[in-house]
């Protein structure tokens, strides 16, 4: 005897989920040299959530799987002034935001 299963109840559609975006960039000093080990924080304006990372030995930082919207990245490295920007991250894809420190921080 053969049994045939009908799965009509399981033939639904999965909801469409928007793909996440990514934010990456390279940090350099005023002369264009790479800045490894810098602290990079990312504040999402919509809900004030914060993520943090460090730049790698190539001066690169990366935040994966972030929602689109307005963000405030802040970059800190010893010997340089803190840099904060406001950026708009678009839907799905990788957005590049390179940062160049413009001066050496004053020593008080």
Protein backbone atom coordinates (compact mmCIF):
# COMPACT_ATOMS: atom_id res chain seq x y z
CA UNK A 1 0.00 0.00 0.00
CA UNK A 2 1.35 3.45 -0.92
CA UNK A 3 0.72 6.54 1.12
CA UNK A 4 0.70 9.99 -0.38
CA UNK A 5 1.05 12.92 1.95
CA UNK A 6 -0.58 16.14 1.00
CA UNK A 7 1.20 19.13 2.44
CA UNK A 8 -1.26 21.76 1.41
CA UNK A 9 -1.13 23.37 4.84
CA UNK A 10 2.64 23.85 4.52
CA UNK A 11 2.64 25.63 1.16
CA UNK A 12 2.73 29.14 2.57
CA UNK A 13 4.99 32.02 1.71
CA UNK A 14 7.82 33.22 3.87
CA UNK A 15 7.66 36.89 4.83
CA UNK A 16 10.00 39.18 2.95
CA UNK A 17 12.76 40.45 5.21
CA UNK A 18 14.91 43.34 4.09
CA UNK A 19 18.58 42.51 3.89
CA UNK A 20 20.89 44.12 6.37
CA UNK A 21 23.50 46.66 5.41
CA UNK A 22 27.16 46.83 6.36
CA UNK A 23 29.42 49.77 7.15
CA UNK A 24 33.17 49.64 6.62
CA UNK A 25 36.07 52.00 6.16
CA UNK A 26 39.78 52.65 6.53
CA UNK A 27 41.29 54.99 9.11
CA UNK A 28 44.35 57.06 8.20
CA UNK A 29 46.46 59.76 9.84
CA UNK A 30 47.08 63.23 8.31
CA UNK A 31 49.88 61.78 6.13
CA UNK A 32 47.74 58.91 4.84
CA UNK A 33 49.32 56.21 7.03
CA UNK A 34 47.00 53.48 8.33
CA UNK A 35 45.75 53.77 11.93
CA UNK A 36 45.43 50.30 13.51
CA UNK A 37 43.85 49.73 16.93
CA UNK A 38 41.55 52.76 16.87
CA UNK A 39 38.25 52.53 18.75
CA UNK A 40 35.20 52.92 16.53
CA UNK A 41 31.70 53.16 18.01
CA UNK A 42 28.47 53.30 16.05
CA UNK A 43 25.36 54.90 17.58
CA UNK A 44 22.04 54.22 15.88
CA UNK A 45 19.94 57.37 16.22
CA UNK A 46 16.54 55.62 16.02
CA UNK A 47 16.94 53.65 19.25
CA UNK A 48 20.29 54.82 20.73
CA UNK A 49 21.78 51.33 20.41
CA UNK A 50 25.57 51.29 20.26
CA UNK A 51 28.11 48.89 18.78
CA UNK A 52 31.88 49.04 19.08
CA UNK A 53 34.90 47.64 17.27
CA UNK A 54 38.60 48.37 16.69
CA UNK A 55 40.42 48.99 13.43
CA UNK A 56 42.60 46.05 12.37
CA UNK A 57 46.29 46.11 11.40
CA UNK A 58 45.30 47.52 7.97
CA UNK A 59 43.38 50.39 9.60
CA UNK A 60 40.06 48.85 8.55
CA UNK A 61 36.91 48.73 10.66
CA UNK A 62 33.63 47.01 9.87
CA UNK A 63 30.10 46.70 11.20
CA UNK A 64 28.00 43.97 9.60
CA UNK A 65 24.26 43.38 9.71
CA UNK A 66 23.06 46.88 10.53
CA UNK A 67 19.67 48.31 9.65
CA UNK A 68 19.36 51.29 7.36
CA UNK A 69 18.95 54.67 9.02
CA UNK A 70 20.88 57.52 10.59
CA UNK A 71 24.03 56.69 12.56
CA UNK A 72 26.78 58.56 14.43
CA UNK A 73 30.14 56.84 14.10
CA UNK A 74 32.82 58.05 16.51
CA UNK A 75 36.51 57.29 15.97
CA UNK A 76 39.13 57.58 18.73
CA UNK A 77 42.87 56.91 18.61
CA UNK A 78 45.64 58.02 20.92
CA UNK A 79 47.34 61.20 19.70
CA UNK A 80 44.42 62.34 17.52
CA UNK A 81 41.28 64.38 18.20
CA UNK A 82 38.01 62.42 18.41
CA UNK A 83 36.02 62.42 15.17
CA UNK A 84 32.23 62.12 15.12
CA UNK A 85 30.04 62.26 12.02
CA UNK A 86 26.38 61.82 11.20
CA UNK A 87 25.77 59.49 8.27
CA UNK A 88 22.81 57.89 6.52
CA UNK A 89 23.12 54.13 5.88
CA UNK A 90 21.07 52.91 2.94
CA UNK A 91 19.26 49.61 2.44
CA UNK A 92 21.23 46.44 1.75
CA UNK A 93 24.79 46.63 0.63
CA UNK A 94 28.11 47.76 1.98
CA UNK A 95 28.66 51.45 2.61
CA UNK A 96 32.23 52.75 2.81
CA UNK A 97 33.05 55.62 5.19
CA UNK A 98 36.80 56.22 5.29
CA UNK A 99 38.08 58.55 8.01
CA UNK A 100 41.27 60.61 7.96
CA UNK A 101 42.43 62.26 11.14
CA UNK A 102 43.15 65.88 10.26
CA UNK A 103 45.58 66.82 13.01
CA UNK A 104 47.49 65.63 16.02
CA UNK A 105 45.72 66.27 19.32
CA UNK A 106 47.27 68.93 21.49
CA UNK A 107 48.97 67.76 24.66
CA UNK A 108 47.80 69.82 27.65
